[in-house]
C-alpha atoms as a PDB file:
ATOM      1  CA  MET A   1      21.260 -29.281  67.374  1.00  0.00           C
ATOM      2  CA  LEU A   2      22.662 -32.811  66.996  1.00  0.00           C
ATOM      3  CA  SER A   3      21.698 -34.361  63.679  1.00  0.00           C
ATOM      4  CA  ARG A   4      20.356 -37.527  65.335  1.00  0.00           C
ATOM      5  CA  THR A   5      18.032 -35.422  67.518  1.00  0.00           C
ATOM      6  CA  ALA A   6      16.772 -33.513  64.492  1.00  0.00           C
ATOM      7  CA  ASP A   7      16.255 -36.842  62.701  1.00  0.00           C
ATOM      8  CA  HIS A   8      14.085 -38.263  65.494  1.00  0.00           C
ATOM      9  CA  LEU A   9      11.985 -35.094  65.684  1.00  0.00           C
ATOM     10  CA  PHE A  10      11.537 -34.910  61.925  1.00  0.00           C
ATOM     11  CA  TRP A  11      10.389 -38.520  61.632  1.00  0.00           C
ATOM     12  CA  MET A  12       8.252 -38.430  64.746  1.00  0.00           C
ATOM     13  CA  SER A  13       6.095 -35.752  63.159  1.00  0.00           C
ATOM     14  CA  ARG A  14       6.132 -37.395  59.712  1.00  0.00           C
ATOM     15  CA  TYR A  15       4.880 -40.709  61.097  1.00  0.00           C
ATOM     16  CA  THR A  16       2.173 -39.011  63.165  1.00  0.00           C
ATOM     17  CA  GLU A  17       0.964 -37.124  60.089  1.00  0.00           C
ATOM     18  CA  ARG A  18       1.153 -40.299  57.983  1.00  0.00           C
ATOM     19  CA  ALA A  19      -1.051 -42.187  60.444  1.00  0.00           C
ATOM     20  CA  GLU A  20      -3.647 -39.416  60.252  1.00  0.00           C
ATOM     21  CA  ASN A  21      -3.541 -39.289  56.456  1.00  0.00           C
ATOM     22  CA  THR A  22      -3.950 -43.060  56.235  1.00  0.00           C
ATOM     23  CA  ALA A  23      -6.934 -42.908  58.589  1.00  0.00           C
ATOM     24  CA  ARG A  24      -8.492 -40.132  56.511  1.00  0.00           C
ATOM     25  CA  MET A  25      -8.199 -42.058  53.248  1.00  0.00           C
ATOM     26  CA  LEU A  26      -9.351 -45.362  54.728  1.00  0.00           C
ATOM     27  CA  ASN A  27     -12.396 -43.693  56.278  1.00  0.00           C
ATOM     28  CA  VAL A  28     -13.443 -42.205  52.943  1.00  0.00           C
ATOM     29  CA  VAL A  29     -12.950 -45.475  51.047  1.00  0.00           C
ATOM     30  CA  HIS A  30     -14.827 -47.354  53.774  1.00  0.00           C
ATOM     31  CA  GLU A  31     -17.783 -44.939  53.658  1.00  0.00           C
ATOM     32  CA  THR A  32     -17.818 -44.831  49.849  1.00  0.00           C
ATOM     33  CA  ALA A  33     -17.898 -48.638  49.719  1.00  0.00           C
ATOM     34  CA  LEU A  34     -21.209 -48.549  51.608  1.00  0.00           C
ATOM     35  CA  LEU A  35     -22.905 -46.673  48.734  1.00  0.00           C
ATOM     36  CA  PRO A  36     -24.915 -48.651  46.138  1.00  0.00           C
ATOM     37  CA  GLN A  37     -22.388 -49.796  43.522  1.00  0.00           C
ATOM     38  CA  SER A  38     -21.052 -52.851  41.763  1.00  0.00           C
ATOM     39  CA  ALA A  39     -18.582 -55.161  43.473  1.00  0.00           C
ATOM     40  CA  GLU A  40     -16.001 -54.261  40.821  1.00  0.00           C
ATOM     41  CA  ARG A  41     -16.241 -50.549  41.577  1.00  0.00           C
ATOM     42  CA  ALA A  42     -16.034 -51.148  45.319  1.00  0.00           C
ATOM     43  CA  GLN A  43     -12.883 -53.210  44.787  1.00  0.00           C
ATOM     44  CA  GLU A  44     -11.406 -50.416  42.660  1.00  0.00           C
ATOM     45  CA  GLY A  45     -11.781 -48.099  45.644  1.00  0.00           C
ATOM     46  CA  TRP A  46      -9.742 -50.416  47.853  1.00  0.00           C
ATOM     47  CA  LEU A  47      -7.215 -50.881  45.063  1.00  0.00           C
ATOM     48  CA  GLY A  48      -6.901 -47.091  44.795  1.00  0.00           C
ATOM     49  CA  MET A  49      -6.170 -46.909  48.525  1.00  0.00           C
ATOM     50  CA  LEU A  50      -3.179 -49.205  48.042  1.00  0.00           C
ATOM     51  CA  SER A  51      -2.120 -47.334  44.924  1.00  0.00           C
ATOM     52  CA  ILE A  52      -1.931 -44.010  46.780  1.00  0.00           C
ATOM     53  CA  SER A  53       0.656 -45.486  49.135  1.00  0.00           C
ATOM     54  CA  GLU A  54       2.387 -47.533  46.402  1.00  0.00           C
ATOM     55  CA  LEU A  55       1.649 -50.722  48.327  1.00  0.00           C
ATOM     56  CA  ILE A  56      -0.068 -52.937  45.761  1.00  0.00           C
ATOM     57  CA  PRO A  57       2.941 -55.300  45.341  1.00  0.00           C
ATOM     58  CA  ALA A  58       3.472 -55.566  49.126  1.00  0.00           C
ATOM     59  CA  TYR A  59      -0.235 -56.254  49.702  1.00  0.00           C
ATOM     60  CA  THR A  60      -0.609 -58.889  46.987  1.00  0.00           C
ATOM     61  CA  ALA A  61       2.522 -60.678  48.205  1.00  0.00           C
ATOM     62  CA  ARG A  62       0.873 -61.138  51.627  1.00  0.00           C
ATOM     63  CA  HIS A  63      -2.848 -61.314  50.896  1.00  0.00           C
ATOM     64  CA  GLY A  64      -3.357 -61.987  47.189  1.00  0.00           C
ATOM     65  CA  THR A  65      -6.750 -60.715  46.037  1.00  0.00           C
ATOM     66  CA  VAL A  66      -7.681 -57.160  47.033  1.00  0.00           C
ATOM     67  CA  THR A  67     -10.638 -57.244  49.432  1.00  0.00           C
ATOM     68  CA  ARG A  68     -12.143 -54.852  51.955  1.00  0.00           C
ATOM     69  CA  ASP A  69     -11.120 -56.879  54.997  1.00  0.00           C
ATOM     70  CA  GLY A  70      -7.671 -57.567  53.575  1.00  0.00           C
ATOM     71  CA  VAL A  71      -6.919 -53.900  52.885  1.00  0.00           C
ATOM     72  CA  LEU A  72      -8.265 -52.749  56.254  1.00  0.00           C
ATOM     73  CA  HIS A  73      -6.144 -55.309  58.092  1.00  0.00           C
ATOM     74  CA  PHE A  74      -3.061 -54.486  56.021  1.00  0.00           C
ATOM     75  CA  MET A  75      -3.387 -50.713  56.414  1.00  0.00           C
ATOM     76  CA  VAL A  76      -4.486 -50.624  60.067  1.00  0.00           C
ATOM     77  CA  ARG A  77      -3.037 -53.420  62.197  1.00  0.00           C
ATOM     78  CA  ASP A  78      -0.389 -55.203  60.071  1.00  0.00           C
ATOM     79  CA  GLY A  79       2.875 -54.585  61.904  1.00  0.00           C
ATOM     80  CA  SER A  80       4.886 -55.884  58.938  1.00  0.00           C
ATOM     81  CA  ASN A  81       3.543 -53.050  56.766  1.00  0.00           C
ATOM     82  CA  PRO A  82       5.636 -49.963  57.641  1.00  0.00           C
ATOM     83  CA  SER A  83       2.828 -47.701  56.366  1.00  0.00           C
ATOM     84  CA  SER A  84       0.045 -49.204  58.492  1.00  0.00           C
ATOM     85  CA  ILE A  85      -1.502 -47.033  61.195  1.00  0.00           C
ATOM     86  CA  LEU A  86      -0.087 -49.336  63.889  1.00  0.00           C
ATOM     87  CA  SER A  87       3.436 -49.165  62.419  1.00  0.00           C
ATOM     88  CA  CYS A  88       3.295 -45.382  62.011  1.00  0.00           C
ATOM     89  CA  LEU A  89       2.157 -44.794  65.598  1.00  0.00           C
ATOM     90  CA  ARG A  90       4.821 -47.189  66.871  1.00  0.00           C
ATOM     91  CA  ALA A  91       7.537 -45.401  64.873  1.00  0.00           C
ATOM     92  CA  ALA A  92       6.302 -41.987  66.060  1.00  0.00           C
ATOM     93  CA  ARG A  93       6.406 -43.144  69.687  1.00  0.00           C
ATOM     94  CA  GLU A  94       9.879 -44.688  69.350  1.00  0.00           C
ATOM     95  CA  ASN A  95      11.274 -41.524  67.788  1.00  0.00           C
ATOM     96  CA  ALA A  96       9.682 -39.456  70.565  1.00  0.00           C
ATOM     97  CA  ARG A  97      11.126 -41.765  73.237  1.00  0.00           C
ATOM     98  CA  ALA A  98      14.608 -41.285  71.787  1.00  0.00           C
ATOM     99  CA  VAL A  99      14.408 -37.500  72.327  1.00  0.00           C
ATOM    100  CA  ARG A 100      12.267 -37.259  75.474  1.00  0.00           C
ATOM    101  CA  GLY A 101      14.595 -34.641  76.911  1.00  0.00           C
ATOM    102  CA  THR A 102      13.962 -32.355  73.932  1.00  0.00           C
ATOM    103  CA  LEU A 103      10.173 -32.615  74.120  1.00  0.00           C
ATOM    104  CA  THR A 104       7.894 -31.155  76.767  1.00  0.00           C
ATOM    105  CA  SER A 105       6.323 -33.722  79.080  1.00  0.00           C
ATOM    106  CA  GLU A 106       2.927 -33.037  77.478  1.00  0.00           C
ATOM    107  CA  VAL A 107       4.192 -33.843  73.971  1.00  0.00           C
ATOM    108  CA  TRP A 108       5.850 -37.064  75.126  1.00  0.00           C
ATOM    109  CA  GLU A 109       2.823 -38.162  77.166  1.00  0.00           C
ATOM    110  CA  THR A 110       0.547 -37.557  74.173  1.00  0.00           C
ATOM    111  CA  GLN A 111       2.679 -39.759  71.913  1.00  0.00           C
ATOM    112  CA  ASN A 112       3.091 -42.465  74.528  1.00  0.00           C
ATOM    113  CA  GLN A 113      -0.601 -42.534  75.455  1.00  0.00           C
ATOM    114  CA  THR A 114      -1.574 -42.776  71.790  1.00  0.00           C
ATOM    115  CA  TRP A 115       0.623 -45.846  71.390  1.00  0.00           C
ATOM    116  CA  LEU A 116      -0.726 -47.530  74.529  1.00  0.00           C
ATOM    117  CA  GLU A 117      -4.310 -46.725  73.601  1.00  0.00           C
ATOM    118  CA  VAL A 118      -4.104 -47.968  69.998  1.00  0.00           C
ATOM    119  CA  ASN A 119      -2.789 -51.314  71.218  1.00  0.00           C
ATOM    120  CA  ARG A 120      -5.637 -51.595  73.706  1.00  0.00           C
ATOM    121  CA  MET A 121      -8.247 -50.700  71.074  1.00  0.00           C
ATOM    122  CA  LEU A 122      -6.906 -53.188  68.549  1.00  0.00           C
ATOM    123  CA  ALA A 123      -6.685 -55.936  71.184  1.00  0.00           C
ATOM    124  CA  GLU A 124     -10.317 -55.305  72.142  1.00  0.00           C
ATOM    125  CA  ARG A 125     -11.289 -55.294  68.433  1.00  0.00           C
ATOM    126  CA  ALA A 126     -12.741 -51.790  68.683  1.00  0.00           C
ATOM    127  CA  PHE A 127     -11.631 -51.204  65.097  1.00  0.00           C
ATOM    128  CA  GLU A 128     -13.637 -54.136  63.742  1.00  0.00           C
ATOM    129  CA  ARG A 129     -16.760 -53.048  65.653  1.00  0.00           C
ATOM    130  CA  ASP A 130     -16.709 -49.481  64.321  1.00  0.00           C
ATOM    131  CA  PRO A 131     -14.016 -48.603  61.758  1.00  0.00           C
ATOM    132  CA  GLY A 132     -15.304 -45.056  61.344  1.00  0.00           C
ATOM    133  CA  GLN A 133     -15.012 -44.275  65.039  1.00  0.00           C
ATOM    134  CA  PHE A 134     -11.494 -45.733  65.101  1.00  0.00           C
ATOM    135  CA  PHE A 135     -10.401 -43.551  62.173  1.00  0.00           C
ATOM    136  CA  GLU A 136     -11.815 -40.474  63.881  1.00  0.00           C
ATOM    137  CA  TRP A 137      -9.826 -41.391  66.998  1.00  0.00           C
ATOM    138  CA  VAL A 138      -6.579 -41.583  64.978  1.00  0.00           C
ATOM    139  CA  LYS A 139      -7.287 -38.164  63.469  1.00  0.00           C
ATOM    140  CA  TYR A 140      -8.073 -36.744  66.915  1.00  0.00           C
ATOM    141  CA  ARG A 141      -4.810 -38.034  68.386  1.00  0.00           C
ATOM    142  CA  SER A 142      -2.853 -36.471  65.529  1.00  0.00           C
ATOM    143  CA  HIS A 143      -4.673 -33.168  66.036  1.00  0.00           C
ATOM    144  CA  LEU A 144      -3.931 -33.401  69.755  1.00  0.00           C
ATOM    145  CA  SER A 145      -0.246 -34.032  69.088  1.00  0.00           C
ATOM    146  CA  ARG A 146       0.020 -30.950  66.857  1.00  0.00           C
ATOM    147  CA  GLY A 147      -1.946 -28.821  69.290  1.00  0.00           C
ATOM    148  CA  VAL A 148       0.162 -29.834  72.283  1.00  0.00           C
ATOM    149  CA  THR A 149       3.319 -29.166  70.266  1.00  0.00           C
ATOM    150  CA  LEU A 150       2.101 -25.676  69.346  1.00  0.00           C
ATOM    151  CA  GLY A 151       0.869 -24.967  72.854  1.00  0.00           C
ATOM    152  CA  THR A 152       3.822 -26.177  74.922  1.00  0.00           C
ATOM    153  CA  MET A 153       7.025 -26.352  72.852  1.00  0.00           C
ATOM    154  CA  LEU A 154       9.556 -23.550  72.755  1.00  0.00           C
ATOM    155  CA  GLN A 155       9.690 -22.393  69.128  1.00  0.00           C
ATOM    156  CA  ASP A 156      13.340 -23.301  68.687  1.00  0.00           C
ATOM    157  CA  GLU A 157      15.039 -25.659  66.226  1.00  0.00           C
ATOM    158  CA  ALA A 158      13.309 -28.717  67.709  1.00  0.00           C
ATOM    159  CA  PHE A 159       9.909 -27.156  67.069  1.00  0.00           C
ATOM    160  CA  HIS A 160      10.804 -26.246  63.480  1.00  0.00           C
ATOM    161  CA  PHE A 161      12.019 -29.772  62.663  1.00  0.00           C
ATOM    162  CA  LEU A 162       8.719 -31.127  63.956  1.00  0.00           C
ATOM    163  CA  ARG A 163       6.799 -28.718  61.713  1.00  0.00           C
ATOM    164  CA  LEU A 164       9.049 -29.442  58.760  1.00  0.00           C
ATOM    165  CA  GLY A 165       8.317 -33.161  58.953  1.00  0.00           C
ATOM    166  CA  THR A 166       4.570 -32.585  59.298  1.00  0.00           C
ATOM    167  CA  PHE A 167       4.201 -30.416  56.221  1.00  0.00           C
ATOM    168  CA  LEU A 168       6.524 -32.367  53.933  1.00  0.00           C
ATOM    169  CA  GLU A 169       4.443 -35.451  54.716  1.00  0.00           C
ATOM    170  CA  ARG A 170       1.182 -33.561  54.193  1.00  0.00           C
ATOM    171  CA  ALA A 171       2.280 -32.175  50.812  1.00  0.00           C
ATOM    172  CA  ASP A 172       3.270 -35.652  49.664  1.00  0.00           C
ATOM    173  CA  ASN A 173      -0.023 -37.183  50.760  1.00  0.00           C
ATOM    174  CA  THR A 174      -2.291 -34.525  49.237  1.00  0.00           C
ATOM    175  CA  ALA A 175      -0.501 -34.820  45.889  1.00  0.00           C
ATOM    176  CA  ARG A 176      -0.810 -38.627  45.914  1.00  0.00           C
ATOM    177  CA  LEU A 177      -4.495 -38.429  46.797  1.00  0.00           C
ATOM    178  CA  LEU A 178      -5.239 -35.999  43.977  1.00  0.00           C
ATOM    179  CA  ASP A 179      -3.261 -37.977  41.411  1.00  0.00           C
ATOM    180  CA  VAL A 180      -4.964 -41.291  42.170  1.00  0.00           C
ATOM    181  CA  LYS A 181      -8.456 -39.844  42.513  1.00  0.00           C
ATOM    182  CA  PHE A 182      -8.348 -37.832  39.289  1.00  0.00           C
ATOM    183  CA  HIS A 183      -7.172 -40.927  37.457  1.00  0.00           C
ATOM    184  CA  ALA A 184     -10.023 -42.913  39.020  1.00  0.00           C
ATOM    185  CA  VAL A 185     -12.582 -40.419  37.708  1.00  0.00           C
ATOM    186  CA  GLU A 186     -11.329 -40.808  34.167  1.00  0.00           C
ATOM    187  CA  SER A 187     -11.556 -44.600  34.298  1.00  0.00           C
ATOM    188  CA  GLU A 188     -14.631 -45.153  36.502  1.00  0.00           C
ATOM    189  CA  PHE A 189     -17.087 -42.661  35.035  1.00  0.00           C
ATOM    190  CA  HIS A 190     -16.250 -43.040  31.357  1.00  0.00           C
ATOM    191  CA  GLY A 191     -19.280 -44.227  29.420  1.00  0.00           C
ATOM    192  CA  LEU A 192     -21.900 -43.529  32.090  1.00  0.00           C
ATOM    193  CA  ALA A 193     -25.140 -41.807  31.142  1.00  0.00           C
ATOM    194  CA  PRO A 194     -24.961 -38.036  31.806  1.00  0.00           C
ATOM    195  CA  ALA A 195     -27.333 -38.151  34.797  1.00  0.00           C
ATOM    196  CA  ARG A 196     -25.525 -41.093  36.390  1.00  0.00           C
ATOM    197  CA  GLU A 197     -22.153 -39.521  35.633  1.00  0.00           C
ATOM    198  CA  HIS A 198     -23.168 -36.304  37.404  1.00  0.00           C
ATOM    199  CA  GLU A 199     -24.398 -38.250  40.452  1.00  0.00           C
ATOM    200  CA  ALA A 200     -21.274 -40.409  40.622  1.00  0.00           C
ATOM    201  CA  ASP A 201     -19.097 -37.351  40.078  1.00  0.00           C
ATOM    202  CA  PHE A 202     -20.693 -35.542  43.025  1.00  0.00           C
ATOM    203  CA  TYR A 203     -20.205 -38.415  45.459  1.00  0.00           C
ATOM    204  CA  HIS A 204     -16.653 -38.994  44.267  1.00  0.00           C
ATOM    205  CA  TRP A 205     -15.494 -35.405  44.664  1.00  0.00           C
ATOM    206  CA  SER A 206     -17.382 -35.012  47.940  1.00  0.00           C
ATOM    207  CA  ALA A 207     -15.408 -37.999  49.243  1.00  0.00           C
ATOM    208  CA  VAL A 208     -12.118 -36.498  48.070  1.00  0.00           C
ATOM    209  CA  LEU A 209     -12.928 -33.193  49.782  1.00  0.00           C
ATOM    210  CA  ARG A 210     -14.016 -34.888  53.003  1.00  0.00           C
ATOM    211  CA  SER A 211     -10.789 -36.905  53.108  1.00  0.00           C
ATOM    212  CA  VAL A 212      -8.858 -33.646  53.595  1.00  0.00           C
ATOM    213  CA  SER A 213     -11.543 -31.872  55.693  1.00  0.00           C
ATOM    214  CA  ALA A 214     -12.291 -29.546  52.795  1.00  0.00           C
ATOM    215  CA  PHE A 215     -15.981 -30.131  52.002  1.00  0.00           C
ATOM    216  CA  GLU A 216     -17.257 -27.195  54.071  1.00  0.00           C
ATOM    217  CA  VAL A 217     -14.282 -25.092  52.962  1.00  0.00           C
ATOM    218  CA  TYR A 218     -15.171 -25.734  49.305  1.00  0.00           C
ATOM    219  CA  ARG A 219     -18.770 -24.605  49.878  1.00  0.00           C
ATOM    220  CA  LYS A 220     -17.586 -21.464  51.621  1.00  0.00           C
ATOM    221  CA  VAL A 221     -15.053 -20.540  48.921  1.00  0.00           C
ATOM    222  CA  TYR A 222     -16.947 -21.442  45.724  1.00  0.00           C
ATOM    223  CA  ARG A 223     -20.630 -21.540  46.785  1.00  0.00           C
ATOM    224  CA  ASP A 224     -21.742 -23.711  43.860  1.00  0.00           C
ATOM    225  CA  ALA A 225     -21.677 -27.265  42.518  1.00  0.00           C
ATOM    226  CA  ILE A 226     -18.546 -29.311  43.007  1.00  0.00           C
ATOM    227  CA  SER A 227     -16.372 -29.412  39.887  1.00  0.00           C
ATOM    228  CA  PRO A 228     -13.043 -31.232  39.373  1.00  0.00           C
ATOM    229  CA  ASP A 229     -11.116 -28.127  38.290  1.00  0.00           C
ATOM    230  CA  ARG A 230     -12.112 -26.240  41.439  1.00  0.00           C
ATOM    231  CA  VAL A 231     -11.324 -29.232  43.650  1.00  0.00           C
ATOM    232  CA  ALA A 232      -7.877 -29.262  42.071  1.00  0.00           C
ATOM    233  CA  GLU A 233      -7.489 -25.509  42.527  1.00  0.00           C
ATOM    234  CA  LEU A 234      -8.518 -25.679  46.193  1.00  0.00           C
ATOM    235  CA  LEU A 235      -6.144 -28.529  47.038  1.00  0.00           C
ATOM    236  CA  ILE A 236      -3.206 -27.317  44.950  1.00  0.00           C
ATOM    237  CA  LEU A 237      -3.116 -23.532  44.766  1.00  0.00           C
ATOM    238  CA  ARG A 238      -5.157 -22.085  47.650  1.00  0.00           C
ATOM    239  CA  ARG A 239      -2.806 -20.763  50.326  1.00  0.00           C
ATOM    240  CA  ASP A 240      -5.670 -20.461  52.831  1.00  0.00           C
ATOM    241  CA  MET A 241      -6.630 -24.162  52.557  1.00  0.00           C
ATOM    242  CA  PRO A 242      -4.684 -25.872  55.406  1.00  0.00           C
ATOM    243  CA  ARG A 243      -3.983 -29.158  53.599  1.00  0.00           C
ATOM    244  CA  SER A 244      -3.286 -27.731  50.132  1.00  0.00           C
ATOM    245  CA  LEU A 245       0.054 -28.090  48.383  1.00  0.00           C
ATOM    246  CA  HIS A 246       0.565 -24.321  48.534  1.00  0.00           C
ATOM    247  CA  ALA A 247      -0.103 -24.074  52.265  1.00  0.00           C
ATOM    248  CA  SER A 248       2.108 -27.083  52.998  1.00  0.00           C
ATOM    249  CA  LEU A 249       5.035 -25.760  50.944  1.00  0.00           C
ATOM    250  CA  ARG A 250       4.692 -22.336  52.573  1.00  0.00           C
ATOM    251  CA  GLU A 251       5.245 -24.002  55.953  1.00  0.00           C
ATOM    252  CA  VAL A 252       8.173 -26.039  54.600  1.00  0.00           C
ATOM    253  CA  VAL A 253       9.905 -22.904  53.284  1.00  0.00           C
ATOM    254  CA  ASP A 254       9.282 -20.915  56.478  1.00  0.00           C
ATOM    255  CA  ASN A 255      10.568 -23.673  58.757  1.00  0.00           C
ATOM    256  CA  LEU A 256      13.577 -24.387  56.548  1.00  0.00           C
ATOM    257  CA  ALA A 257      14.537 -20.736  56.901  1.00  0.00           C
ATOM    258  CA  GLN A 258      14.435 -21.073  60.692  1.00  0.00           C
ATOM    259  CA  VAL A 259      16.878 -24.002  60.781  1.00  0.00           C
ATOM    260  CA  SER A 260      19.119 -23.053  57.838  1.00  0.00           C
ATOM    261  CA  ASN A 261      22.818 -23.851  58.065  1.00  0.00           C
ATOM    262  CA  ASP A 262      25.934 -23.689  55.901  1.00  0.00           C
ATOM    263  CA  HIS A 263      24.843 -26.717  53.866  1.00  0.00           C
ATOM    264  CA  SER A 264      21.161 -25.972  53.221  1.00  0.00           C
ATOM    265  CA  ALA A 265      21.189 -23.171  50.618  1.00  0.00           C
ATOM    266  CA  GLU A 266      20.421 -25.481  47.685  1.00  0.00           C
ATOM    267  CA  THR A 267      17.584 -27.226  49.487  1.00  0.00           C
ATOM    268  CA  GLN A 268      16.101 -23.855  50.436  1.00  0.00           C
ATOM    269  CA  ARG A 269      16.409 -22.670  46.833  1.00  0.00           C
ATOM    270  CA  ARG A 270      14.550 -25.720  45.529  1.00  0.00           C
ATOM    271  CA  ALA A 271      11.842 -25.377  48.157  1.00  0.00           C
ATOM    272  CA  GLY A 272      11.421 -21.682  47.322  1.00  0.00           C
ATOM    273  CA  ARG A 273      11.191 -22.392  43.623  1.00  0.00           C
ATOM    274  CA  LEU A 274       8.548 -25.057  44.143  1.00  0.00           C
ATOM    275  CA  LEU A 275       6.574 -22.672  46.347  1.00  0.00           C
ATOM    276  CA  ALA A 276       6.820 -19.962  43.667  1.00  0.00           C
ATOM    277  CA  ASP A 277       5.340 -22.368  41.089  1.00  0.00           C
ATOM    278  CA  LEU A 278       2.355 -22.872  43.388  1.00  0.00           C
ATOM    279  CA  GLN A 279       2.104 -19.230  44.412  1.00  0.00           C
ATOM    280  CA  TYR A 280       1.959 -17.937  40.841  1.00  0.00           C
ATOM    281  CA  GLY A 281       0.444 -20.954  39.112  1.00  0.00           C
ATOM    282  CA  ARG A 282      -2.997 -21.040  37.465  1.00  0.00           C
ATOM    283  CA  ILE A 283      -5.212 -24.095  37.537  1.00  0.00           C
ATOM    284  CA  ASP A 284      -6.213 -23.771  33.876  1.00  0.00           C
ATOM    285  CA  GLU A 285      -2.541 -23.890  32.874  1.00  0.00           C
ATOM    286  CA  ILE A 286      -1.906 -26.912  35.097  1.00  0.00           C
ATOM    287  CA  LEU A 287      -4.905 -28.793  33.685  1.00  0.00           C
ATOM    288  CA  ALA A 288      -3.988 -27.848  30.108  1.00  0.00           C
ATOM    289  CA  THR A 289      -0.505 -29.308  30.449  1.00  0.00           C
ATOM    290  CA  GLY A 290      -1.767 -32.376  32.342  1.00  0.00           C
ATOM    291  CA  LEU A 291      -2.579 -32.764  36.011  1.00  0.00           C
ATOM    292  CA  HIS A 292      -0.931 -36.192  36.275  1.00  0.00           C
ATOM    293  CA  ALA A 293       2.337 -34.852  34.863  1.00  0.00           C
ATOM    294  CA  PHE A 294       2.216 -31.874  37.229  1.00  0.00           C
ATOM    295  CA  LEU A 295       1.555 -34.010  40.314  1.00  0.00           C
ATOM    296  CA  THR A 296       4.157 -36.610  39.359  1.00  0.00           C
ATOM    297  CA  GLN A 297       6.752 -33.876  39.008  1.00  0.00           C
ATOM    298  CA  PHE A 298       5.595 -32.309  42.270  1.00  0.00           C
ATOM    299  CA  LEU A 299       6.025 -35.620  44.119  1.00  0.00           C
ATOM    300  CA  ASP A 300       9.506 -36.027  42.665  1.00  0.00           C
ATOM    301  CA  ARG A 301      10.418 -32.540  43.838  1.00  0.00           C
ATOM    302  CA  VAL A 302       8.970 -33.114  47.331  1.00  0.00           C
ATOM    303  CA  ASN A 303      10.914 -36.365  47.622  1.00  0.00           C
ATOM    304  CA  ASP A 304      14.002 -34.451  46.506  1.00  0.00           C
ATOM    305  CA  LEU A 305      13.342 -31.897  49.265  1.00  0.00           C
ATOM    306  CA  GLY A 306      13.052 -34.704  51.809  1.00  0.00           C
ATOM    307  CA  ALA A 307      16.396 -36.076  50.632  1.00  0.00           C
ATOM    308  CA  GLY A 308      17.870 -32.580  50.853  1.00  0.00           C
ATOM    309  CA  VAL A 309      16.652 -32.119  54.426  1.00  0.00           C
ATOM    310  CA  SER A 310      18.152 -35.481  55.345  1.00  0.00           C
ATOM    311  CA  ARG A 311      21.455 -34.612  53.714  1.00  0.00           C
ATOM    312  CA  ASP A 312      21.699 -31.075  55.130  1.00  0.00           C
ATOM    313  CA  PHE A 313      20.436 -31.614  58.657  1.00  0.00           C
ATOM    314  CA  LEU A 314      19.859 -35.243  59.617  1.00  0.00           C
ATOM    315  CA  VAL A 315      23.060 -36.945  58.477  1.00  0.00           C
ATOM    316  CA  PRO A 316      26.230 -36.175  60.473  1.00  0.00           C
ATOM    317  CA  VAL A 317      28.729 -34.101  58.498  1.00  0.00           C
ATOM    318  CA  TRP A 318      32.235 -35.387  59.142  1.00  0.00           C
ATOM    319  CA  SER A 319      35.094 -32.916  58.812  1.00  0.00           C
END
């Protein structure tokens, strides 16, 4: 496969997944902000949203003070923010358009219709009327894109590059979410009375679980009260949890194996080693050595894998 074709497929799926992840996090922060709480704590939630995407400097340069309306505008409809939902869906559509001949008509039509529809909804201010419904629509379109890809694409190299982009992006996002949210717990709930701390803790971790569609999964797996260590275990080490780090890296390794070439052995080795750390890791050991340190290192290694994929497959090799 031509490297430029692989590049468009890889980034098409990454941007589609990124739009969904952004919608998930914004929806949770939006719903959490409606709970009884101080203005300072509500603002910390919006600040955390920007922190997950490392966008605090970019936001403050354009909007100054962090506010609900400012963050929602910046992360949803600001075309100058490359991580906004609008920018991600535009980039996904442009990458799909560049390789229309490689995609099935259903996959292309799904991407194109999503782009046309999001512009119509934003022009009609559907987002401002009901943010929650808009976020659910973004998630639905991402689900539809993945489903159409699975249901209509030949499982050749094009298919595997699409999957590779999806799960690298998902691993990155889940790690960022966990890192920021665990840090928020330590700072927000310190000093609260035990009863208030337990109540705040429950709502906080419920929101984290709902942001990755894991609330019902948690209840099914653990069948008891929500605790931070089990949230971390579910989202890091459980292979059967679709958005966990383990499940995402399993897909990365499997799809890398399907597209391997003469240049990719080192990238495959690093991906396999990272998967082994998750496959044989224990949550008590991770927490004992420091969750922040673990997740920071994980993000560095995932970014290194992304660079390796780009180097091995997406950049032309000149002889």
